[in-house]
């Protein structure tokens, strides 16, 4: 799970359009999904920051992810307060 800006809309030529979401936020979300084990929710630093004290997370450490120059801190989401 990742938080940030994204572009949403129709992409493609007139004869082959698809409605999609694109951007670095989406790419990082896909990389985080690959890092997660079955039943685990992995969040990036922006999501962790936005959740603040409303969520319990376990730091998983930094990971070198495709398309990122620097390692990205990963967190496992444990619970969210309502």
PDB file of N, CA and C in Angstrom:
ATOM      1  N   UNK A   1       0.854  -1.150   0.000  1.00  0.00           N
ATOM      2  CA  UNK A   1       0.000   0.000   0.000  1.00  0.00           C
ATOM      3  C   UNK A   1       0.905   1.219   0.000  1.00  0.00           C
ATOM      4  N   UNK A   2       0.523   2.189  -0.810  1.00  0.00           N
ATOM      5  CA  UNK A   2       1.328   3.395  -0.921  1.00  0.00           C
ATOM      6  C   UNK A   2       0.413   4.605  -1.043  1.00  0.00           C
ATOM      7  N   UNK A   3       0.931   5.759  -0.650  1.00  0.00           N
ATOM      8  CA  UNK A   3       0.174   7.002  -0.666  1.00  0.00           C
ATOM      9  C   UNK A   3       0.934   8.037  -1.473  1.00  0.00           C
ATOM     10  N   UNK A   4       0.211   8.781  -2.318  1.00  0.00           N
ATOM     11  CA  UNK A   4       0.837   9.854  -3.071  1.00  0.00           C
ATOM     12  C   UNK A   4       0.045  10.204  -4.305  1.00  0.00           C
ATOM     13  N   UNK A   5       0.567  11.129  -5.090  1.00  0.00           N
ATOM     14  CA  UNK A   5      -0.131  11.575  -6.297  1.00  0.00           C
ATOM     15  C   UNK A   5      -0.089  10.516  -7.392  1.00  0.00           C
ATOM     16  N   UNK A   6      -1.118  10.541  -8.228  1.00  0.00           N
ATOM     17  CA  UNK A   6      -1.192   9.624  -9.367  1.00  0.00           C
ATOM     18  C   UNK A   6      -2.027  10.281 -10.459  1.00  0.00           C
ATOM     19  N   UNK A   7      -1.858   9.812 -11.663  1.00  0.00           N
ATOM     20  CA  UNK A   7      -2.652  10.278 -12.795  1.00  0.00           C
ATOM     21  C   UNK A   7      -3.696   9.210 -13.095  1.00  0.00           C
ATOM     22  N   UNK A   8      -4.951   9.642 -13.174  1.00  0.00           N
ATOM     23  CA  UNK A   8      -6.060   8.725 -13.426  1.00  0.00           C
ATOM     24  C   UNK A   8      -6.761   9.167 -14.697  1.00  0.00           C
ATOM     25  N   UNK A   9      -7.031   8.209 -15.590  1.00  0.00           N
ATOM     26  CA  UNK A   9      -7.767   8.567 -16.795  1.00  0.00           C
ATOM     27  C   UNK A   9      -7.615   7.556 -17.901  1.00  0.00           C
ATOM     28  N   UNK A  10      -8.127   7.952 -19.061  1.00  0.00           N
ATOM     29  CA  UNK A  10      -8.045   7.117 -20.252  1.00  0.00           C
ATOM     30  C   UNK A  10      -6.667   7.264 -20.872  1.00  0.00           C
ATOM     31  N   UNK A  11      -6.072   6.135 -21.210  1.00  0.00           N
ATOM     32  CA  UNK A  11      -4.742   6.115 -21.807  1.00  0.00           C
ATOM     33  C   UNK A  11      -4.813   5.257 -23.061  1.00  0.00           C
ATOM     34  N   UNK A  12      -4.141   5.698 -24.111  1.00  0.00           N
ATOM     35  CA  UNK A  12      -4.077   4.902 -25.327  1.00  0.00           C
ATOM     36  C   UNK A  12      -4.633   5.635 -26.531  1.00  0.00           C
ATOM     37  N   UNK A  13      -4.621   4.935 -27.642  1.00  0.00           N
ATOM     38  CA  UNK A  13      -5.121   5.481 -28.898  1.00  0.00           C
ATOM     39  C   UNK A  13      -6.635   5.346 -28.948  1.00  0.00           C
ATOM     40  N   UNK A  14      -7.254   6.034 -29.907  1.00  0.00           N
ATOM     41  CA  UNK A  14      -8.709   6.008 -30.036  1.00  0.00           C
ATOM     42  C   UNK A  14      -9.258   4.596 -30.158  1.00  0.00           C
ATOM     43  N   UNK A  15      -8.553   3.725 -30.865  1.00  0.00           N
ATOM     44  CA  UNK A  15      -9.065   2.369 -31.090  1.00  0.00           C
ATOM     45  C   UNK A  15      -8.715   1.394 -29.957  1.00  0.00           C
ATOM     46  N   UNK A  16      -7.882   1.813 -29.017  1.00  0.00           N
ATOM     47  CA  UNK A  16      -7.530   0.911 -27.915  1.00  0.00           C
ATOM     48  C   UNK A  16      -7.228   1.729 -26.658  1.00  0.00           C
ATOM     49  N   UNK A  17      -8.276   2.111 -25.966  1.00  0.00           N
ATOM     50  CA  UNK A  17      -8.125   2.900 -24.744  1.00  0.00           C
ATOM     51  C   UNK A  17      -8.391   2.052 -23.525  1.00  0.00           C
ATOM     52  N   UNK A  18      -7.736   2.417 -22.462  1.00  0.00           N
ATOM     53  CA  UNK A  18      -8.035   1.769 -21.191  1.00  0.00           C
ATOM     54  C   UNK A  18      -8.023   2.838 -20.103  1.00  0.00           C
ATOM     55  N   UNK A  19      -8.878   2.662 -19.132  1.00  0.00           N
ATOM     56  CA  UNK A  19      -8.927   3.547 -17.979  1.00  0.00           C
ATOM     57  C   UNK A  19      -7.936   2.999 -16.970  1.00  0.00           C
ATOM     58  N   UNK A  20      -6.982   3.815 -16.534  1.00  0.00           N
ATOM     59  CA  UNK A  20      -5.919   3.304 -15.683  1.00  0.00           C
ATOM     60  C   UNK A  20      -5.425   4.373 -14.726  1.00  0.00           C
ATOM     61  N   UNK A  21      -4.552   3.964 -13.842  1.00  0.00           N
ATOM     62  CA  UNK A  21      -3.878   4.848 -12.896  1.00  0.00           C
ATOM     63  C   UNK A  21      -2.379   4.641 -13.096  1.00  0.00           C
ATOM     64  N   UNK A  22      -1.635   5.735 -13.246  1.00  0.00           N
ATOM     65  CA  UNK A  22      -0.201   5.625 -13.487  1.00  0.00           C
ATOM     66  C   UNK A  22       0.557   6.623 -12.613  1.00  0.00           C
ATOM     67  N   UNK A  23       1.842   6.367 -12.450  1.00  0.00           N
ATOM     68  CA  UNK A  23       2.704   7.284 -11.720  1.00  0.00           C
ATOM     69  C   UNK A  23       3.620   6.542 -10.772  1.00  0.00           C
ATOM     70  N   UNK A  24       4.559   7.279 -10.185  1.00  0.00           N
ATOM     71  CA  UNK A  24       5.530   6.690  -9.275  1.00  0.00           C
ATOM     72  C   UNK A  24       4.849   6.081  -8.052  1.00  0.00           C
ATOM     73  N   UNK A  25       3.786   6.715  -7.577  1.00  0.00           N
ATOM     74  CA  UNK A  25       3.050   6.182  -6.425  1.00  0.00           C
ATOM     75  C   UNK A  25       2.537   4.779  -6.714  1.00  0.00           C
ATOM     76  N   UNK A  26       2.008   4.574  -7.908  1.00  0.00           N
ATOM     77  CA  UNK A  26       1.451   3.280  -8.301  1.00  0.00           C
ATOM     78  C   UNK A  26       2.576   2.262  -8.491  1.00  0.00           C
ATOM     79  N   UNK A  27       3.663   2.691  -9.104  1.00  0.00           N
ATOM     80  CA  UNK A  27       4.802   1.775  -9.300  1.00  0.00           C
ATOM     81  C   UNK A  27       5.355   1.287  -7.963  1.00  0.00           C
ATOM     82  N   UNK A  28       5.486   2.206  -7.005  1.00  0.00           N
ATOM     83  CA  UNK A  28       5.998   1.803  -5.697  1.00  0.00           C
ATOM     84  C   UNK A  28       5.007   0.864  -5.004  1.00  0.00           C
ATOM     85  N   UNK A  29       3.717   1.125  -5.132  1.00  0.00           N
ATOM     86  CA  UNK A  29       2.707   0.234  -4.548  1.00  0.00           C
ATOM     87  C   UNK A  29       2.855  -1.182  -5.100  1.00  0.00           C
ATOM     88  N   UNK A  30       3.111  -1.301  -6.382  1.00  0.00           N
ATOM     89  CA  UNK A  30       3.303  -2.621  -6.991  1.00  0.00           C
ATOM     90  C   UNK A  30       4.545  -3.308  -6.434  1.00  0.00           C
ATOM     91  N   UNK A  31       5.617  -2.543  -6.219  1.00  0.00           N
ATOM     92  CA  UNK A  31       6.848  -3.115  -5.652  1.00  0.00           C
ATOM     93  C   UNK A  31       6.615  -3.569  -4.208  1.00  0.00           C
ATOM     94  N   UNK A  32       5.825  -2.795  -3.455  1.00  0.00           N
ATOM     95  CA  UNK A  32       5.518  -3.167  -2.072  1.00  0.00           C
ATOM     96  C   UNK A  32       4.694  -4.445  -2.033  1.00  0.00           C
ATOM     97  N   UNK A  33       3.779  -4.582  -2.962  1.00  0.00           N
ATOM     98  CA  UNK A  33       2.938  -5.782  -3.023  1.00  0.00           C
ATOM     99  C   UNK A  33       3.792  -7.031  -3.221  1.00  0.00           C
ATOM    100  N   UNK A  34       4.802  -6.934  -4.047  1.00  0.00           N
ATOM    101  CA  UNK A  34       5.699  -8.067  -4.298  1.00  0.00           C
ATOM    102  C   UNK A  34       6.456  -8.451  -3.025  1.00  0.00           C
ATOM    103  N   UNK A  35       6.746  -7.468  -2.181  1.00  0.00           N
ATOM    104  CA  UNK A  35       7.494  -7.734  -0.949  1.00  0.00           C
ATOM    105  C   UNK A  35       6.649  -8.419   0.125  1.00  0.00           C
ATOM    106  N   UNK A  36       5.329  -8.300   0.020  1.00  0.00           N
ATOM    107  CA  UNK A  36       4.437  -8.828   1.057  1.00  0.00           C
ATOM    108  C   UNK A  36       4.267 -10.340   0.945  1.00  0.00           C
ATOM    109  N   UNK A  37       4.222 -10.998   2.113  1.00  0.00           N
ATOM    110  CA  UNK A  37       3.885 -12.411   2.165  1.00  0.00           C
ATOM    111  C   UNK A  37       2.371 -12.548   2.167  1.00  0.00           C
ATOM    112  N   UNK A  38       1.875 -13.738   2.004  1.00  0.00           N
ATOM    113  CA  UNK A  38       0.429 -13.979   2.016  1.00  0.00           C
ATOM    114  C   UNK A  38      -0.167 -13.473   3.328  1.00  0.00           C
ATOM    115  N   UNK A  39      -1.208 -12.674   3.224  1.00  0.00           N
ATOM    116  CA  UNK A  39      -1.890 -12.151   4.396  1.00  0.00           C
ATOM    117  C   UNK A  39      -1.226 -10.949   5.038  1.00  0.00           C
ATOM    118  N   UNK A  40      -0.123 -10.492   4.488  1.00  0.00           N
ATOM    119  CA  UNK A  40       0.630  -9.372   5.055  1.00  0.00           C
ATOM    120  C   UNK A  40       0.350  -8.109   4.242  1.00  0.00           C
ATOM    121  N   UNK A  41       0.236  -6.978   4.925  1.00  0.00           N
ATOM    122  CA  UNK A  41       0.082  -5.694   4.248  1.00  0.00           C
ATOM    123  C   UNK A  41       1.350  -4.898   4.487  1.00  0.00           C
ATOM    124  N   UNK A  42       2.065  -4.605   3.413  1.00  0.00           N
ATOM    125  CA  UNK A  42       3.293  -3.824   3.486  1.00  0.00           C
ATOM    126  C   UNK A  42       2.981  -2.406   3.007  1.00  0.00           C
ATOM    127  N   UNK A  43       3.374  -1.426   3.815  1.00  0.00           N
ATOM    128  CA  UNK A  43       3.138  -0.032   3.460  1.00  0.00           C
ATOM    129  C   UNK A  43       4.460   0.699   3.326  1.00  0.00           C
ATOM    130  N   UNK A  44       4.444   1.715   2.500  1.00  0.00           N
ATOM    131  CA  UNK A  44       5.618   2.545   2.315  1.00  0.00           C
ATOM    132  C   UNK A  44       5.658   3.679   3.324  1.00  0.00           C
ATOM    133  N   UNK A  45       6.724   4.459   3.301  1.00  0.00           N
ATOM    134  CA  UNK A  45       6.912   5.511   4.293  1.00  0.00           C
ATOM    135  C   UNK A  45       5.849   6.609   4.235  1.00  0.00           C
ATOM    136  N   UNK A  46       5.358   6.964   3.060  1.00  0.00           N
ATOM    137  CA  UNK A  46       4.336   8.018   2.972  1.00  0.00           C
ATOM    138  C   UNK A  46       3.033   7.566   3.623  1.00  0.00           C
ATOM    139  N   UNK A  47       2.654   6.315   3.402  1.00  0.00           N
ATOM    140  CA  UNK A  47       1.440   5.781   4.023  1.00  0.00           C
ATOM    141  C   UNK A  47       1.616   5.704   5.525  1.00  0.00           C
ATOM    142  N   UNK A  48       2.757   5.234   5.968  1.00  0.00           N
ATOM    143  CA  UNK A  48       3.033   5.143   7.395  1.00  0.00           C
ATOM    144  C   UNK A  48       2.940   6.520   8.036  1.00  0.00           C
ATOM    145  N   UNK A  49       3.508   7.535   7.394  1.00  0.00           N
ATOM    146  CA  UNK A  49       3.453   8.901   7.922  1.00  0.00           C
ATOM    147  C   UNK A  49       2.016   9.423   7.964  1.00  0.00           C
ATOM    148  N   UNK A  50       1.250   9.166   6.920  1.00  0.00           N
ATOM    149  CA  UNK A  50      -0.134   9.640   6.873  1.00  0.00           C
ATOM    150  C   UNK A  50      -1.010   8.974   7.930  1.00  0.00           C
ATOM    151  N   UNK A  51      -0.726   7.714   8.252  1.00  0.00           N
ATOM    152  CA  UNK A  51      -1.495   7.009   9.269  1.00  0.00           C
ATOM    153  C   UNK A  51      -1.187   7.530  10.672  1.00  0.00           C
ATOM    154  N   UNK A  52       0.011   8.038  10.876  1.00  0.00           N
ATOM    155  CA  UNK A  52       0.392   8.588  12.168  1.00  0.00           C
ATOM    156  C   UNK A  52       0.172   7.594  13.294  1.00  0.00           C
ATOM    157  N   UNK A  53      -0.405   8.071  14.390  1.00  0.00           N
ATOM    158  CA  UNK A  53      -0.637   7.236  15.549  1.00  0.00           C
ATOM    159  C   UNK A  53      -1.881   6.370  15.454  1.00  0.00           C
ATOM    160  N   UNK A  54      -2.601   6.448  14.329  1.00  0.00           N
ATOM    161  CA  UNK A  54      -3.815   5.640  14.168  1.00  0.00           C
ATOM    162  C   UNK A  54      -3.531   4.202  13.787  1.00  0.00           C
ATOM    163  N   UNK A  55      -2.279   3.884  13.505  1.00  0.00           N
ATOM    164  CA  UNK A  55      -1.953   2.539  13.039  1.00  0.00           C
ATOM    165  C   UNK A  55      -0.758   1.980  13.797  1.00  0.00           C
ATOM    166  N   UNK A  56      -0.794   0.674  13.978  1.00  0.00           N
ATOM    167  CA  UNK A  56       0.366  -0.032  14.526  1.00  0.00           C
ATOM    168  C   UNK A  56       1.099  -0.672  13.362  1.00  0.00           C
ATOM    169  N   UNK A  57       2.399  -0.397  13.275  1.00  0.00           N
ATOM    170  CA  UNK A  57       3.216  -0.968  12.203  1.00  0.00           C
ATOM    171  C   UNK A  57       4.465  -1.592  12.799  1.00  0.00           C
ATOM    172  N   UNK A  58       5.009  -2.537  12.067  1.00  0.00           N
ATOM    173  CA  UNK A  58       6.279  -3.155  12.424  1.00  0.00           C
ATOM    174  C   UNK A  58       7.283  -2.780  11.339  1.00  0.00           C
ATOM    175  N   UNK A  59       8.378  -2.116  11.688  1.00  0.00           N
ATOM    176  CA  UNK A  59       9.393  -1.803  10.678  1.00  0.00           C
ATOM    177  C   UNK A  59       9.993  -3.096  10.121  1.00  0.00           C
ATOM    178  N   UNK A  60      10.070  -3.176   8.812  1.00  0.00           N
ATOM    179  CA  UNK A  60      10.662  -4.341   8.149  1.00  0.00           C
ATOM    180  C   UNK A  60      12.065  -4.041   7.641  1.00  0.00           C
ATOM    181  N   UNK A  61      12.481  -2.788   7.795  1.00  0.00           N
ATOM    182  CA  UNK A  61      13.793  -2.386   7.312  1.00  0.00           C
ATOM    183  C   UNK A  61      13.724  -1.868   5.891  1.00  0.00           C
ATOM    184  N   UNK A  62      14.817  -1.345   5.409  1.00  0.00           N
ATOM    185  CA  UNK A  62      14.854  -0.822   4.045  1.00  0.00           C
ATOM    186  C   UNK A  62      15.012  -1.942   3.017  1.00  0.00           C
ATOM    187  N   UNK A  63      14.453  -1.714   1.842  1.00  0.00           N
ATOM    188  CA  UNK A  63      14.577  -2.680   0.742  1.00  0.00           C
ATOM    189  C   UNK A  63      14.983  -1.940  -0.522  1.00  0.00           C
ATOM    190  N   UNK A  64      15.858  -2.540  -1.280  1.00  0.00           N
ATOM    191  CA  UNK A  64      16.234  -1.995  -2.581  1.00  0.00           C
ATOM    192  C   UNK A  64      15.187  -2.460  -3.577  1.00  0.00           C
ATOM    193  N   UNK A  65      14.400  -1.534  -4.097  1.00  0.00           N
ATOM    194  CA  UNK A  65      13.300  -1.868  -4.995  1.00  0.00           C
ATOM    195  C   UNK A  65      13.594  -1.399  -6.409  1.00  0.00           C
ATOM    196  N   UNK A  66      13.105  -2.145  -7.369  1.00  0.00           N
ATOM    197  CA  UNK A  66      13.290  -1.818  -8.780  1.00  0.00           C
ATOM    198  C   UNK A  66      12.781  -0.407  -9.051  1.00  0.00           C
ATOM    199  N   UNK A  67      13.601   0.371  -9.742  1.00  0.00           N
ATOM    200  CA  UNK A  67      13.222   1.720 -10.109  1.00  0.00           C
ATOM    201  C   UNK A  67      13.535   2.772  -9.063  1.00  0.00           C
ATOM    202  N   UNK A  68      14.098   2.369  -7.927  1.00  0.00           N
ATOM    203  CA  UNK A  68      14.428   3.308  -6.853  1.00  0.00           C
ATOM    204  C   UNK A  68      15.941   3.330  -6.646  1.00  0.00           C
ATOM    205  N   UNK A  69      16.513   4.506  -6.580  1.00  0.00           N
ATOM    206  CA  UNK A  69      17.958   4.619  -6.375  1.00  0.00           C
ATOM    207  C   UNK A  69      18.347   4.266  -4.948  1.00  0.00           C
ATOM    208  N   UNK A  70      17.553   4.726  -4.007  1.00  0.00           N
ATOM    209  CA  UNK A  70      17.842   4.507  -2.592  1.00  0.00           C
ATOM    210  C   UNK A  70      16.915   3.438  -2.025  1.00  0.00           C
ATOM    211  N   UNK A  71      17.363   2.712  -1.023  1.00  0.00           N
ATOM    212  CA  UNK A  71      16.480   1.741  -0.364  1.00  0.00           C
ATOM    213  C   UNK A  71      15.249   2.445   0.226  1.00  0.00           C
ATOM    214  N   UNK A  72      14.124   1.750   0.214  1.00  0.00           N
ATOM    215  CA  UNK A  72      12.857   2.290   0.703  1.00  0.00           C
ATOM    216  C   UNK A  72      12.512   1.601   2.020  1.00  0.00           C
ATOM    217  N   UNK A  73      12.243   2.382   3.076  1.00  0.00           N
ATOM    218  CA  UNK A  73      11.828   1.769   4.342  1.00  0.00           C
ATOM    219  C   UNK A  73      10.454   1.101   4.174  1.00  0.00           C
ATOM    220  N   UNK A  74      10.341  -0.138   4.637  1.00  0.00           N
ATOM    221  CA  UNK A  74       9.082  -0.866   4.545  1.00  0.00           C
ATOM    222  C   UNK A  74       8.526  -1.099   5.940  1.00  0.00           C
ATOM    223  N   UNK A  75       7.195  -1.161   6.017  1.00  0.00           N
ATOM    224  CA  UNK A  75       6.512  -1.391   7.286  1.00  0.00           C
ATOM    225  C   UNK A  75       5.395  -2.397   7.071  1.00  0.00           C
ATOM    226  N   UNK A  76       5.186  -3.246   8.053  1.00  0.00           N
ATOM    227  CA  UNK A  76       4.041  -4.156   8.020  1.00  0.00           C
ATOM    228  C   UNK A  76       2.919  -3.507   8.815  1.00  0.00           C
ATOM    229  N   UNK A  77       1.759  -3.360   8.189  1.00  0.00           N
ATOM    230  CA  UNK A  77       0.595  -2.818   8.871  1.00  0.00           C
ATOM    231  C   UNK A  77      -0.008  -3.908   9.734  1.00  0.00           C
ATOM    232  N   UNK A  78      -0.133  -3.645  11.037  1.00  0.00           N
ATOM    233  CA  UNK A  78      -0.657  -4.631  11.985  1.00  0.00           C
ATOM    234  C   UNK A  78      -2.115  -4.332  12.310  1.00  0.00           C
ATOM    235  N   UNK A  79      -2.424  -3.063  12.599  1.00  0.00           N
ATOM    236  CA  UNK A  79      -3.798  -2.688  12.909  1.00  0.00           C
ATOM    237  C   UNK A  79      -3.994  -1.204  12.685  1.00  0.00           C
ATOM    238  N   UNK A  80      -5.275  -0.817  12.519  1.00  0.00           N
ATOM    239  CA  UNK A  80      -5.640   0.586  12.359  1.00  0.00           C
ATOM    240  C   UNK A  80      -6.778   0.872  13.319  1.00  0.00           C
ATOM    241  N   UNK A  81      -6.626   1.957  14.098  1.00  0.00           N
ATOM    242  CA  UNK A  81      -7.678   2.343  15.043  1.00  0.00           C
ATOM    243  C   UNK A  81      -8.829   3.009  14.280  1.00  0.00           C
ATOM    244  N   UNK A  82     -10.031   2.743  14.727  1.00  0.00           N
ATOM    245  CA  UNK A  82     -11.196   3.336  14.048  1.00  0.00           C
ATOM    246  C   UNK A  82     -11.529   4.701  14.590  1.00  0.00           C
TER     247      UNK A  82
END
